Amino acid sequence: MTRHTLNWMALFTTLALALPGVVQAAPGMAKDGKLVDHKGMTLYTFDKDSGGKSACNGDCAKNWPPFMAEKGDPAEGMWTQIKRDDGSMQWAYDGKPLYTFVKDAKTGDMTGDGMKDVWHAAKP
């Protein structure tokens, strides 16, 4: 093989290895139709949230960490952002703030779904 061919092969290999990370970098939908974060962890909604505002702060947020948006993350379509009481930004879907659950240990876990009849796995 020529040096030129080897360079192209190296480039394509690098892109192929990097692509799964790029694809998983944004929140999305799991195979079962539930919303997941960039790590594939289940996202939840809280029935006590209203008007695009989070009602889960303090100890609540320790068990149900808000799905935080980073500065410069673009909102798109149904994926929006809300401002939390502390001024930080949190992802929302269709106006509903999104959270993860501390007891979910691996991708696909949904141990928080139905918790206290107020926490639900988020669906589009």
PDB file of N, CA and C in Angstrom:
ATOM      1  N   MET A   1       0.833  -1.181   0.000  1.00  0.00           N
ATOM      2  CA  MET A   1       0.000   0.000   0.000  1.00  0.00           C
ATOM      3  C   MET A   1       0.878   1.246   0.000  1.00  0.00           C
ATOM      4  N   THR A   2       0.364   2.254  -0.616  1.00  0.00           N
ATOM      5  CA  THR A   2       1.113   3.508  -0.658  1.00  0.00           C
ATOM      6  C   THR A   2       0.908   4.277   0.645  1.00  0.00           C
ATOM      7  N   ARG A   3       1.765   5.224   0.859  1.00  0.00           N
ATOM      8  CA  ARG A   3       1.664   6.061   2.058  1.00  0.00           C
ATOM      9  C   ARG A   3       0.345   6.840   2.053  1.00  0.00           C
ATOM     10  N   HIS A   4      -0.066   7.284   0.891  1.00  0.00           N
ATOM     11  CA  HIS A   4      -1.332   8.018   0.738  1.00  0.00           C
ATOM     12  C   HIS A   4      -2.511   7.136   1.162  1.00  0.00           C
ATOM     13  N   THR A   5      -2.505   5.902   0.731  1.00  0.00           N
ATOM     14  CA  THR A   5      -3.577   4.963   1.092  1.00  0.00           C
ATOM     15  C   THR A   5      -3.593   4.731   2.602  1.00  0.00           C
ATOM     16  N   LEU A   6      -2.421   4.561   3.197  1.00  0.00           N
ATOM     17  CA  LEU A   6      -2.340   4.344   4.639  1.00  0.00           C
ATOM     18  C   LEU A   6      -2.865   5.562   5.411  1.00  0.00           C
ATOM     19  N   ASN A   7      -2.579   6.750   4.928  1.00  0.00           N
ATOM     20  CA  ASN A   7      -3.087   7.962   5.579  1.00  0.00           C
ATOM     21  C   ASN A   7      -4.617   7.999   5.550  1.00  0.00           C
ATOM     22  N   TRP A   8      -5.199   7.665   4.409  1.00  0.00           N
ATOM     23  CA  TRP A   8      -6.660   7.642   4.294  1.00  0.00           C
ATOM     24  C   TRP A   8      -7.255   6.572   5.198  1.00  0.00           C
ATOM     25  N   MET A   9      -6.625   5.406   5.258  1.00  0.00           N
ATOM     26  CA  MET A   9      -7.124   4.331   6.122  1.00  0.00           C
ATOM     27  C   MET A   9      -7.075   4.765   7.591  1.00  0.00           C
ATOM     28  N   ALA A  10      -6.010   5.431   7.973  1.00  0.00           N
ATOM     29  CA  ALA A  10      -5.889   5.916   9.350  1.00  0.00           C
ATOM     30  C   ALA A  10      -6.967   6.942   9.652  1.00  0.00           C
ATOM     31  N   LEU A  11      -7.226   7.836   8.720  1.00  0.00           N
ATOM     32  CA  LEU A  11      -8.266   8.843   8.900  1.00  0.00           C
ATOM     33  C   LEU A  11      -9.641   8.194   9.051  1.00  0.00           C
ATOM     34  N   PHE A  12      -9.978   7.260   8.185  1.00  0.00           N
ATOM     35  CA  PHE A  12     -11.286   6.601   8.258  1.00  0.00           C
ATOM     36  C   PHE A  12     -11.426   5.773   9.528  1.00  0.00           C
ATOM     37  N   THR A  13     -10.361   5.128   9.955  1.00  0.00           N
ATOM     38  CA  THR A  13     -10.400   4.364  11.198  1.00  0.00           C
ATOM     39  C   THR A  13     -10.651   5.289  12.378  1.00  0.00           C
ATOM     40  N   THR A  14      -9.966   6.421  12.410  1.00  0.00           N
ATOM     41  CA  THR A  14     -10.147   7.395  13.482  1.00  0.00           C
ATOM     42  C   THR A  14     -11.584   7.905  13.498  1.00  0.00           C
ATOM     43  N   LEU A  15     -12.118   8.229  12.335  1.00  0.00           N
ATOM     44  CA  LEU A  15     -13.506   8.709  12.260  1.00  0.00           C
ATOM     45  C   LEU A  15     -14.490   7.639  12.707  1.00  0.00           C
ATOM     46  N   ALA A  16     -14.259   6.413  12.303  1.00  0.00           N
ATOM     47  CA  ALA A  16     -15.155   5.316  12.680  1.00  0.00           C
ATOM     48  C   ALA A  16     -15.160   5.110  14.192  1.00  0.00           C
ATOM     49  N   LEU A  17     -14.001   5.229  14.814  1.00  0.00           N
ATOM     50  CA  LEU A  17     -13.924   5.063  16.260  1.00  0.00           C
ATOM     51  C   LEU A  17     -14.519   6.257  16.996  1.00  0.00           C
ATOM     52  N   ALA A  18     -14.395   7.431  16.441  1.00  0.00           N
ATOM     53  CA  ALA A  18     -14.919   8.637  17.091  1.00  0.00           C
ATOM     54  C   ALA A  18     -16.417   8.787  16.907  1.00  0.00           C
ATOM     55  N   LEU A  19     -16.972   8.282  15.839  1.00  0.00           N
ATOM     56  CA  LEU A  19     -18.380   8.483  15.511  1.00  0.00           C
ATOM     57  C   LEU A  19     -19.334   8.016  16.595  1.00  0.00           C
ATOM     58  N   PRO A  20     -19.170   6.835  17.211  1.00  0.00           N
ATOM     59  CA  PRO A  20     -20.115   6.464  18.260  1.00  0.00           C
ATOM     60  C   PRO A  20     -20.168   7.472  19.393  1.00  0.00           C
ATOM     61  N   GLY A  21     -19.057   8.085  19.755  1.00  0.00           N
ATOM     62  CA  GLY A  21     -19.055   9.106  20.794  1.00  0.00           C
ATOM     63  C   GLY A  21     -19.823  10.335  20.374  1.00  0.00           C
ATOM     64  N   VAL A  22     -19.711  10.701  19.111  1.00  0.00           N
ATOM     65  CA  VAL A  22     -20.431  11.860  18.598  1.00  0.00           C
ATOM     66  C   VAL A  22     -21.925  11.580  18.580  1.00  0.00           C
ATOM     67  N   VAL A  23     -22.297  10.410  18.144  1.00  0.00           N
ATOM     68  CA  VAL A  23     -23.714  10.062  18.065  1.00  0.00           C
ATOM     69  C   VAL A  23     -24.343  10.055  19.454  1.00  0.00           C
ATOM     70  N   GLN A  24     -23.602   9.618  20.481  1.00  0.00           N
ATOM     71  CA  GLN A  24     -24.159   9.531  21.820  1.00  0.00           C
ATOM     72  C   GLN A  24     -24.004  10.825  22.608  1.00  0.00           C
ATOM     73  N   ALA A  25     -23.425  11.860  22.015  1.00  0.00           N
ATOM     74  CA  ALA A  25     -23.149  13.091  22.747  1.00  0.00           C
ATOM     75  C   ALA A  25     -24.415  13.882  23.052  1.00  0.00           C
ATOM     76  N   ALA A  26     -25.468  13.665  22.336  1.00  0.00           N
ATOM     77  CA  ALA A  26     -26.698  14.411  22.547  1.00  0.00           C
ATOM     78  C   ALA A  26     -27.742  13.502  23.184  1.00  0.00           C
ATOM     79  N   PRO A  27     -28.687  14.105  23.927  1.00  0.00           N
ATOM     80  CA  PRO A  27     -29.771  13.300  24.468  1.00  0.00           C
ATOM     81  C   PRO A  27     -30.603  12.748  23.330  1.00  0.00           C
ATOM     82  N   GLY A  28     -31.338  11.707  23.600  1.00  0.00           N
ATOM     83  CA  GLY A  28     -32.144  11.118  22.548  1.00  0.00           C
ATOM     84  C   GLY A  28     -33.161  10.142  23.078  1.00  0.00           C
ATOM     85  N   MET A  29     -33.447   9.122  22.265  1.00  0.00           N
ATOM     86  CA  MET A  29     -34.466   8.162  22.596  1.00  0.00           C
ATOM     87  C   MET A  29     -33.874   6.761  22.597  1.00  0.00           C
ATOM     88  N   ALA A  30     -34.206   5.989  23.619  1.00  0.00           N
ATOM     89  CA  ALA A  30     -33.766   4.604  23.711  1.00  0.00           C
ATOM     90  C   ALA A  30     -34.640   3.742  22.798  1.00  0.00           C
ATOM     91  N   LYS A  31     -34.221   2.508  22.614  1.00  0.00           N
ATOM     92  CA  LYS A  31     -34.967   1.584  21.752  1.00  0.00           C
ATOM     93  C   LYS A  31     -36.392   1.362  22.231  1.00  0.00           C
ATOM     94  N   ASP A  32     -36.612   1.484  23.554  1.00  0.00           N
ATOM     95  CA  ASP A  32     -37.960   1.264  24.086  1.00  0.00           C
ATOM     96  C   ASP A  32     -38.831   2.519  24.023  1.00  0.00           C
ATOM     97  N   GLY A  33     -38.317   3.596  23.409  1.00  0.00           N
ATOM     98  CA  GLY A  33     -39.099   4.811  23.241  1.00  0.00           C
ATOM     99  C   GLY A  33     -38.990   5.796  24.384  1.00  0.00           C
ATOM    100  N   LYS A  34     -38.221   5.491  25.414  1.00  0.00           N
ATOM    101  CA  LYS A  34     -38.025   6.412  26.536  1.00  0.00           C
ATOM    102  C   LYS A  34     -36.888   7.375  26.199  1.00  0.00           C
ATOM    103  N   LEU A  35     -36.908   8.555  26.817  1.00  0.00           N
ATOM    104  CA  LEU A  35     -35.844   9.523  26.611  1.00  0.00           C
ATOM    105  C   LEU A  35     -34.645   9.165  27.476  1.00  0.00           C
ATOM    106  N   VAL A  36     -33.461   9.355  26.939  1.00  0.00           N
ATOM    107  CA  VAL A  36     -32.218   9.058  27.656  1.00  0.00           C
ATOM    108  C   VAL A  36     -31.246  10.223  27.516  1.00  0.00           C
ATOM    109  N   ASP A  37     -30.293  10.288  28.465  1.00  0.00           N
ATOM    110  CA  ASP A  37     -29.261  11.314  28.393  1.00  0.00           C
ATOM    111  C   ASP A  37     -28.149  10.863  27.457  1.00  0.00           C
ATOM    112  N   HIS A  38     -27.071  11.659  27.357  1.00  0.00           N
ATOM    113  CA  HIS A  38     -25.973  11.356  26.451  1.00  0.00           C
ATOM    114  C   HIS A  38     -25.216  10.084  26.824  1.00  0.00           C
ATOM    115  N   LYS A  39     -25.426   9.555  28.045  1.00  0.00           N
ATOM    116  CA  LYS A  39     -24.803   8.297  28.462  1.00  0.00           C
ATOM    117  C   LYS A  39     -25.755   7.114  28.292  1.00  0.00           C
ATOM    118  N   GLY A  40     -26.965   7.389  27.830  1.00  0.00           N
ATOM    119  CA  GLY A  40     -27.956   6.327  27.655  1.00  0.00           C
ATOM    120  C   GLY A  40     -28.759   6.039  28.910  1.00  0.00           C
ATOM    121  N   MET A  41     -28.635   6.905  29.934  1.00  0.00           N
ATOM    122  CA  MET A  41     -29.375   6.701  31.183  1.00  0.00           C
ATOM    123  C   MET A  41     -30.787   7.277  31.053  1.00  0.00           C
ATOM    124  N   THR A  42     -31.736   6.598  31.675  1.00  0.00           N
ATOM    125  CA  THR A  42     -33.141   6.997  31.622  1.00  0.00           C
ATOM    126  C   THR A  42     -33.335   8.396  32.194  1.00  0.00           C
ATOM    127  N   LEU A  43     -34.158   9.175  31.515  1.00  0.00           N
ATOM    128  CA  LEU A  43     -34.549  10.501  31.987  1.00  0.00           C
ATOM    129  C   LEU A  43     -35.969  10.428  32.537  1.00  0.00           C
ATOM    130  N   TYR A  44     -36.239  11.250  33.546  1.00  0.00           N
ATOM    131  CA  TYR A  44     -37.522  11.230  34.242  1.00  0.00           C
ATOM    132  C   TYR A  44     -38.157  12.614  34.284  1.00  0.00           C
ATOM    133  N   THR A  45     -39.478  12.617  34.440  1.00  0.00           N
ATOM    134  CA  THR A  45     -40.225  13.841  34.697  1.00  0.00           C
ATOM    135  C   THR A  45     -40.834  13.750  36.092  1.00  0.00           C
ATOM    136  N   PHE A  46     -41.144  14.906  36.668  1.00  0.00           N
ATOM    137  CA  PHE A  46     -41.663  15.021  38.024  1.00  0.00           C
ATOM    138  C   PHE A  46     -43.014  15.719  37.960  1.00  0.00           C
ATOM    139  N   ASP A  47     -44.059  15.062  38.462  1.00  0.00           N
ATOM    140  CA  ASP A  47     -45.418  15.609  38.377  1.00  0.00           C
ATOM    141  C   ASP A  47     -45.581  16.960  39.071  1.00  0.00           C
ATOM    142  N   LYS A  48     -44.724  17.270  40.039  1.00  0.00           N
ATOM    143  CA  LYS A  48     -44.861  18.531  40.770  1.00  0.00           C
ATOM    144  C   LYS A  48     -44.256  19.722  40.029  1.00  0.00           C
ATOM    145  N   ASP A  49     -43.540  19.471  38.937  1.00  0.00           N
ATOM    146  CA  ASP A  49     -43.042  20.567  38.103  1.00  0.00           C
ATOM    147  C   ASP A  49     -44.213  21.170  37.342  1.00  0.00           C
ATOM    148  N   SER A  50     -44.199  22.483  37.186  1.00  0.00           N
ATOM    149  CA  SER A  50     -45.252  23.114  36.388  1.00  0.00           C
ATOM    150  C   SER A  50     -44.746  24.418  35.800  1.00  0.00           C
ATOM    151  N   GLY A  51     -45.353  24.816  34.718  1.00  0.00           N
ATOM    152  CA  GLY A  51     -45.018  26.077  34.072  1.00  0.00           C
ATOM    153  C   GLY A  51     -43.570  26.168  33.618  1.00  0.00           C
ATOM    154  N   GLY A  52     -42.976  25.034  33.261  1.00  0.00           N
ATOM    155  CA  GLY A  52     -41.587  25.038  32.811  1.00  0.00           C
ATOM    156  C   GLY A  52     -40.601  25.360  33.917  1.00  0.00           C
ATOM    157  N   LYS A  53     -40.988  25.084  35.166  1.00  0.00           N
ATOM    158  CA  LYS A  53     -40.132  25.359  36.313  1.00  0.00           C
ATOM    159  C   LYS A  53     -39.949  24.085  37.124  1.00  0.00           C
ATOM    160  N   SER A  54     -38.716  23.871  37.609  1.00  0.00           N
ATOM    161  CA  SER A  54     -38.409  22.693  38.409  1.00  0.00           C
ATOM    162  C   SER A  54     -38.838  22.900  39.855  1.00  0.00           C
ATOM    163  N   ALA A  55     -39.525  21.905  40.400  1.00  0.00           N
ATOM    164  CA  ALA A  55     -39.900  21.911  41.811  1.00  0.00           C
ATOM    165  C   ALA A  55     -38.969  20.998  42.611  1.00  0.00           C
ATOM    166  N   CYS A  56     -37.938  20.454  41.972  1.00  0.00           N
ATOM    167  CA  CYS A  56     -37.010  19.529  42.620  1.00  0.00           C
ATOM    168  C   CYS A  56     -35.676  20.226  42.857  1.00  0.00           C
ATOM    169  N   ASN A  57     -35.486  20.670  44.102  1.00  0.00           N
ATOM    170  CA  ASN A  57     -34.265  21.370  44.506  1.00  0.00           C
ATOM    171  C   ASN A  57     -33.774  20.757  45.812  1.00  0.00           C
ATOM    172  N   GLY A  58     -32.616  21.173  46.281  1.00  0.00           N
ATOM    173  CA  GLY A  58     -32.092  20.705  47.561  1.00  0.00           C
ATOM    174  C   GLY A  58     -31.928  19.199  47.613  1.00  0.00           C
ATOM    175  N   ASP A  59     -32.487  18.573  48.683  1.00  0.00           N
ATOM    176  CA  ASP A  59     -32.366  17.119  48.854  1.00  0.00           C
ATOM    177  C   ASP A  59     -32.993  16.356  47.705  1.00  0.00           C
ATOM    178  N   CYS A  60     -34.076  16.878  47.165  1.00  0.00           N
ATOM    179  CA  CYS A  60     -34.723  16.237  46.021  1.00  0.00           C
ATOM    180  C   CYS A  60     -33.732  16.097  44.869  1.00  0.00           C
ATOM    181  N   ALA A  61     -33.000  17.160  44.573  1.00  0.00           N
ATOM    182  CA  ALA A  61     -32.064  17.150  43.451  1.00  0.00           C
ATOM    183  C   ALA A  61     -30.853  16.256  43.706  1.00  0.00           C
ATOM    184  N   LYS A  62     -30.594  15.892  44.965  1.00  0.00           N
ATOM    185  CA  LYS A  62     -29.511  14.945  45.250  1.00  0.00           C
ATOM    186  C   LYS A  62     -29.903  13.541  44.806  1.00  0.00           C
ATOM    187  N   ASN A  63     -31.172  13.184  44.973  1.00  0.00           N
ATOM    188  CA  ASN A  63     -31.665  11.871  44.553  1.00  0.00           C
ATOM    189  C   ASN A  63     -32.087  11.849  43.088  1.00  0.00           C
ATOM    190  N   TRP A  64     -32.524  12.989  42.608  1.00  0.00           N
ATOM    191  CA  TRP A  64     -32.995  13.126  41.236  1.00  0.00           C
ATOM    192  C   TRP A  64     -32.183  14.243  40.571  1.00  0.00           C
ATOM    193  N   PRO A  65     -30.922  13.964  40.219  1.00  0.00           N
ATOM    194  CA  PRO A  65     -30.092  15.025  39.640  1.00  0.00           C
ATOM    195  C   PRO A  65     -30.704  15.606  38.371  1.00  0.00           C
ATOM    196  N   PRO A  66     -30.821  16.922  38.319  1.00  0.00           N
ATOM    197  CA  PRO A  66     -31.330  17.559  37.104  1.00  0.00           C
ATOM    198  C   PRO A  66     -30.411  17.232  35.932  1.00  0.00           C
ATOM    199  N   PHE A  67     -30.992  17.060  34.773  1.00  0.00           N
ATOM    200  CA  PHE A  67     -30.222  16.828  33.552  1.00  0.00           C
ATOM    201  C   PHE A  67     -29.774  18.203  33.070  1.00  0.00           C
ATOM    202  N   MET A  68     -28.554  18.566  33.445  1.00  0.00           N
ATOM    203  CA  MET A  68     -28.053  19.912  33.239  1.00  0.00           C
ATOM    204  C   MET A  68     -27.626  20.170  31.794  1.00  0.00           C
ATOM    205  N   ALA A  69     -27.897  21.387  31.362  1.00  0.00           N
ATOM    206  CA  ALA A  69     -27.452  21.850  30.047  1.00  0.00           C
ATOM    207  C   ALA A  69     -26.181  22.663  30.253  1.00  0.00           C
ATOM    208  N   GLU A  70     -25.238  22.505  29.361  1.00  0.00           N
ATOM    209  CA  GLU A  70     -23.997  23.266  29.426  1.00  0.00           C
ATOM    210  C   GLU A  70     -24.172  24.567  28.646  1.00  0.00           C
ATOM    211  N   LYS A  71     -23.405  25.575  29.049  1.00  0.00           N
ATOM    212  CA  LYS A  71     -23.447  26.850  28.345  1.00  0.00           C
ATOM    213  C   LYS A  71     -23.129  26.615  26.866  1.00  0.00           C
ATOM    214  N   GLY A  72     -23.948  27.152  26.009  1.00  0.00           N
ATOM    215  CA  GLY A  72     -23.742  27.007  24.579  1.00  0.00           C
ATOM    216  C   GLY A  72     -24.446  25.816  23.955  1.00  0.00           C
ATOM    217  N   ASP A  73     -25.037  24.922  24.783  1.00  0.00           N
ATOM    218  CA  ASP A  73     -25.796  23.801  24.222  1.00  0.00           C
ATOM    219  C   ASP A  73     -27.023  24.363  23.501  1.00  0.00           C
ATOM    220  N   PRO A  74     -27.195  24.027  22.239  1.00  0.00           N
ATOM    221  CA  PRO A  74     -28.343  24.575  21.518  1.00  0.00           C
ATOM    222  C   PRO A  74     -29.627  23.792  21.797  1.00  0.00           C
ATOM    223  N   ALA A  75     -30.684  24.510  22.096  1.00  0.00           N
ATOM    224  CA  ALA A  75     -32.004  23.892  22.208  1.00  0.00           C
ATOM    225  C   ALA A  75     -32.515  23.665  20.790  1.00  0.00           C
ATOM    226  N   GLU A  76     -33.223  22.556  20.596  1.00  0.00           N
ATOM    227  CA  GLU A  76     -33.691  22.237  19.252  1.00  0.00           C
ATOM    228  C   GLU A  76     -34.994  21.457  19.316  1.00  0.00           C
ATOM    229  N   GLY A  77     -35.984  21.921  18.586  1.00  0.00           N
ATOM    230  CA  GLY A  77     -37.266  21.225  18.534  1.00  0.00           C
ATOM    231  C   GLY A  77     -37.914  21.167  19.905  1.00  0.00           C
ATOM    232  N   MET A  78     -38.251  19.960  20.334  1.00  0.00           N
ATOM    233  CA  MET A  78     -38.902  19.756  21.629  1.00  0.00           C
ATOM    234  C   MET A  78     -37.907  19.826  22.788  1.00  0.00           C
ATOM    235  N   TRP A  79     -36.600  19.732  22.486  1.00  0.00           N
ATOM    236  CA  TRP A  79     -35.550  19.835  23.513  1.00  0.00           C
ATOM    237  C   TRP A  79     -35.312  21.313  23.812  1.00  0.00           C
ATOM    238  N   THR A  80     -35.669  21.740  25.017  1.00  0.00           N
ATOM    239  CA  THR A  80     -35.510  23.125  25.431  1.00  0.00           C
ATOM    240  C   THR A  80     -34.727  23.164  26.741  1.00  0.00           C
ATOM    241  N   GLN A  81     -34.530  24.356  27.246  1.00  0.00           N
ATOM    242  CA  GLN A  81     -33.834  24.521  28.520  1.00  0.00           C
ATOM    243  C   GLN A  81     -34.643  25.423  29.430  1.00  0.00           C
ATOM    244  N   ILE A  82     -34.579  25.133  30.715  1.00  0.00           N
ATOM    245  CA  ILE A  82     -35.234  25.980  31.715  1.00  0.00           C
ATOM    246  C   ILE A  82     -34.171  26.481  32.682  1.00  0.00           C
ATOM    247  N   LYS A  83     -34.440  27.613  33.314  1.00  0.00           N
ATOM    248  CA  LYS A  83     -33.516  28.151  34.309  1.00  0.00           C
ATOM    249  C   LYS A  83     -33.945  27.650  35.681  1.00  0.00           C
ATOM    250  N   ARG A  84     -33.006  27.063  36.403  1.00  0.00           N
ATOM    251  CA  ARG A  84     -33.253  26.570  37.758  1.00  0.00           C
ATOM    252  C   ARG A  84     -33.154  27.719  38.760  1.00  0.00           C
ATOM    253  N   ASP A  85     -33.601  27.476  39.988  1.00  0.00           N
ATOM    254  CA  ASP A  85     -33.570  28.498  41.040  1.00  0.00           C
ATOM    255  C   ASP A  85     -32.173  29.062  41.261  1.00  0.00           C
ATOM    256  N   ASP A  86     -31.139  28.232  41.058  1.00  0.00           N
ATOM    257  CA  ASP A  86     -29.764  28.704  41.275  1.00  0.00           C
ATOM    258  C   ASP A  86     -29.170  29.379  40.040  1.00  0.00           C
ATOM    259  N   GLY A  87     -29.968  29.522  38.986  1.00  0.00           N
ATOM    260  CA  GLY A  87     -29.522  30.178  37.761  1.00  0.00           C
ATOM    261  C   GLY A  87     -28.915  29.251  36.728  1.00  0.00           C
ATOM    262  N   SER A  88     -28.661  27.994  37.104  1.00  0.00           N
ATOM    263  CA  SER A  88     -28.119  27.034  36.136  1.00  0.00           C
ATOM    264  C   SER A  88     -29.221  26.609  35.171  1.00  0.00           C
ATOM    265  N   MET A  89     -28.808  26.006  34.066  1.00  0.00           N
ATOM    266  CA  MET A  89     -29.757  25.608  33.030  1.00  0.00           C
ATOM    267  C   MET A  89     -29.953  24.100  33.044  1.00  0.00           C
ATOM    268  N   GLN A  90     -31.197  23.693  32.854  1.00  0.00           N
ATOM    269  CA  GLN A  90     -31.589  22.286  32.871  1.00  0.00           C
ATOM    270  C   GLN A  90     -32.322  21.960  31.585  1.00  0.00           C
ATOM    271  N   TRP A  91     -32.057  20.773  31.043  1.00  0.00           N
ATOM    272  CA  TRP A  91     -32.773  20.331  29.850  1.00  0.00           C
ATOM    273  C   TRP A  91     -34.224  20.026  30.195  1.00  0.00           C
ATOM    274  N   ALA A  92     -35.080  20.299  29.237  1.00  0.00           N
ATOM    275  CA  ALA A  92     -36.501  19.962  29.332  1.00  0.00           C
ATOM    276  C   ALA A  92     -36.922  19.395  27.990  1.00  0.00           C
ATOM    277  N   TYR A  93     -37.955  18.588  28.021  1.00  0.00           N
ATOM    278  CA  TYR A  93     -38.518  18.064  26.778  1.00  0.00           C
ATOM    279  C   TYR A  93     -39.993  18.425  26.780  1.00  0.00           C
ATOM    280  N   ASP A  94     -40.429  19.102  25.741  1.00  0.00           N
ATOM    281  CA  ASP A  94     -41.812  19.567  25.647  1.00  0.00           C
ATOM    282  C   ASP A  94     -42.181  20.388  26.889  1.00  0.00           C
ATOM    283  N   GLY A  95     -41.230  21.180  27.383  1.00  0.00           N
ATOM    284  CA  GLY A  95     -41.467  22.047  28.527  1.00  0.00           C
ATOM    285  C   GLY A  95     -41.353  21.377  29.885  1.00  0.00           C
ATOM    286  N   LYS A  96     -41.119  20.056  29.918  1.00  0.00           N
ATOM    287  CA  LYS A  96     -41.033  19.337  31.186  1.00  0.00           C
ATOM    288  C   LYS A  96     -39.561  19.140  31.565  1.00  0.00           C
ATOM    289  N   PRO A  97     -39.135  19.678  32.719  1.00  0.00           N
ATOM    290  CA  PRO A  97     -37.758  19.480  33.159  1.00  0.00           C
ATOM    291  C   PRO A  97     -37.426  17.993  33.280  1.00  0.00           C
ATOM    292  N   LEU A  98     -36.168  17.651  32.982  1.00  0.00           N
ATOM    293  CA  LEU A  98     -35.723  16.258  32.970  1.00  0.00           C
ATOM    294  C   LEU A  98     -34.680  15.992  34.051  1.00  0.00           C
ATOM    295  N   TYR A  99     -34.722  14.765  34.582  1.00  0.00           N
ATOM    296  CA  TYR A  99     -33.852  14.356  35.677  1.00  0.00           C
ATOM    297  C   TYR A  99     -33.352  12.929  35.422  1.00  0.00           C
ATOM    298  N   THR A 100     -32.243  12.591  36.097  1.00  0.00           N
ATOM    299  CA  THR A 100     -31.816  11.195  36.177  1.00  0.00           C
ATOM    300  C   THR A 100     -32.145  10.737  37.598  1.00  0.00           C
ATOM    301  N   PHE A 101     -31.858   9.466  37.910  1.00  0.00           N
ATOM    302  CA  PHE A 101     -32.138   8.930  39.244  1.00  0.00           C
ATOM    303  C   PHE A 101     -30.881   8.267  39.772  1.00  0.00           C
ATOM    304  N   VAL A 102     -30.493   8.574  41.009  1.00  0.00           N
ATOM    305  CA  VAL A 102     -29.236   8.073  41.556  1.00  0.00           C
ATOM    306  C   VAL A 102     -29.185   6.555  41.669  1.00  0.00           C
ATOM    307  N   LYS A 103     -30.317   5.888  41.753  1.00  0.00           N
ATOM    308  CA  LYS A 103     -30.316   4.429  41.904  1.00  0.00           C
ATOM    309  C   LYS A 103     -30.258   3.688  40.572  1.00  0.00           C
ATOM    310  N   ASP A 104     -30.328   4.411  39.468  1.00  0.00           N
ATOM    311  CA  ASP A 104     -30.121   3.778  38.163  1.00  0.00           C
ATOM    312  C   ASP A 104     -28.614   3.595  37.997  1.00  0.00           C
ATOM    313  N   ALA A 105     -28.167   2.346  37.925  1.00  0.00           N
ATOM    314  CA  ALA A 105     -26.741   2.058  37.896  1.00  0.00           C
ATOM    315  C   ALA A 105     -26.186   1.873  36.487  1.00  0.00           C
ATOM    316  N   LYS A 106     -27.039   1.431  35.566  1.00  0.00           N
ATOM    317  CA  LYS A 106     -26.537   1.151  34.216  1.00  0.00           C
ATOM    318  C   LYS A 106     -27.585   1.524  33.173  1.00  0.00           C
ATOM    319  N   THR A 107     -27.103   1.617  31.949  1.00  0.00           N
ATOM    320  CA  THR A 107     -27.990   1.920  30.825  1.00  0.00           C
ATOM    321  C   THR A 107     -29.174   0.955  30.831  1.00  0.00           C
ATOM    322  N   GLY A 108     -30.357   1.496  30.657  1.00  0.00           N
ATOM    323  CA  GLY A 108     -31.558   0.665  30.617  1.00  0.00           C
ATOM    324  C   GLY A 108     -32.278   0.573  31.947  1.00  0.00           C
ATOM    325  N   ASP A 109     -31.595   0.892  33.057  1.00  0.00           N
ATOM    326  CA  ASP A 109     -32.271   0.876  34.364  1.00  0.00           C
ATOM    327  C   ASP A 109     -33.366   1.930  34.378  1.00  0.00           C
ATOM    328  N   MET A 110     -34.498   1.584  34.977  1.00  0.00           N
ATOM    329  CA  MET A 110     -35.621   2.520  35.126  1.00  0.00           C
ATOM    330  C   MET A 110     -36.207   2.356  36.524  1.00  0.00           C
ATOM    331  N   THR A 111     -35.338   2.274  37.528  1.00  0.00           N
ATOM    332  CA  THR A 111     -35.807   2.007  38.886  1.00  0.00           C
ATOM    333  C   THR A 111     -36.642   3.145  39.461  1.00  0.00           C
ATOM    334  N   GLY A 112     -36.557   4.325  38.870  1.00  0.00           N
ATOM    335  CA  GLY A 112     -37.333   5.459  39.361  1.00  0.00           C
ATOM    336  C   GLY A 112     -38.714   5.582  38.739  1.00  0.00           C
ATOM    337  N   ASP A 113     -38.990   4.780  37.702  1.00  0.00           N
ATOM    338  CA  ASP A 113     -40.277   4.900  37.010  1.00  0.00           C
ATOM    339  C   ASP A 113     -41.424   4.527  37.950  1.00  0.00           C
ATOM    340  N   GLY A 114     -42.336   5.466  38.174  1.00  0.00           N
ATOM    341  CA  GLY A 114     -43.487   5.249  39.040  1.00  0.00           C
ATOM    342  C   GLY A 114     -43.212   5.514  40.514  1.00  0.00           C
ATOM    343  N   MET A 115     -41.997   5.945  40.855  1.00  0.00           N
ATOM    344  CA  MET A 115     -41.637   6.198  42.252  1.00  0.00           C
ATOM    345  C   MET A 115     -42.599   7.212  42.864  1.00  0.00           C
ATOM    346  N   LYS A 116     -43.198   6.814  43.988  1.00  0.00           N
ATOM    347  CA  LYS A 116     -44.142   7.653  44.755  1.00  0.00           C
ATOM    348  C   LYS A 116     -45.255   8.213  43.875  1.00  0.00           C
ATOM    349  N   ASP A 117     -45.504   7.567  42.761  1.00  0.00           N
ATOM    350  CA  ASP A 117     -46.549   7.972  41.809  1.00  0.00           C
ATOM    351  C   ASP A 117     -46.365   9.382  41.257  1.00  0.00           C
ATOM    352  N   VAL A 118     -45.157   9.962  41.381  1.00  0.00           N
ATOM    353  CA  VAL A 118     -44.922  11.304  40.851  1.00  0.00           C
ATOM    354  C   VAL A 118     -43.721  11.376  39.911  1.00  0.00           C
ATOM    355  N   TRP A 119     -42.925  10.290  39.831  1.00  0.00           N
ATOM    356  CA  TRP A 119     -41.770  10.249  38.937  1.00  0.00           C
ATOM    357  C   TRP A 119     -42.056   9.272  37.819  1.00  0.00           C
ATOM    358  N   HIS A 120     -41.758   9.674  36.591  1.00  0.00           N
ATOM    359  CA  HIS A 120     -42.076   8.830  35.435  1.00  0.00           C
ATOM    360  C   HIS A 120     -40.950   8.881  34.410  1.00  0.00           C
ATOM    361  N   ALA A 121     -40.664   7.730  33.821  1.00  0.00           N
ATOM    362  CA  ALA A 121     -39.697   7.717  32.717  1.00  0.00           C
ATOM    363  C   ALA A 121     -40.245   8.633  31.638  1.00  0.00           C
ATOM    364  N   ALA A 122     -39.391   9.525  31.153  1.00  0.00           N
ATOM    365  CA  ALA A 122     -39.823  10.523  30.160  1.00  0.00           C
ATOM    366  C   ALA A 122     -40.018   9.872  28.803  1.00  0.00           C
ATOM    367  N   LYS A 123     -41.094  10.251  28.151  1.00  0.00           N
ATOM    368  CA  LYS A 123     -41.418   9.771  26.807  1.00  0.00           C
ATOM    369  C   LYS A 123     -41.708  10.967  25.907  1.00  0.00           C
ATOM    370  N   PRO A 124     -41.393  10.821  24.623  1.00  0.00           N
ATOM    371  CA  PRO A 124     -41.727  11.927  23.714  1.00  0.00           C
ATOM    372  C   PRO A 124     -43.237  12.043  23.502  1.00  0.00           C
TER     373      PRO A 124
END
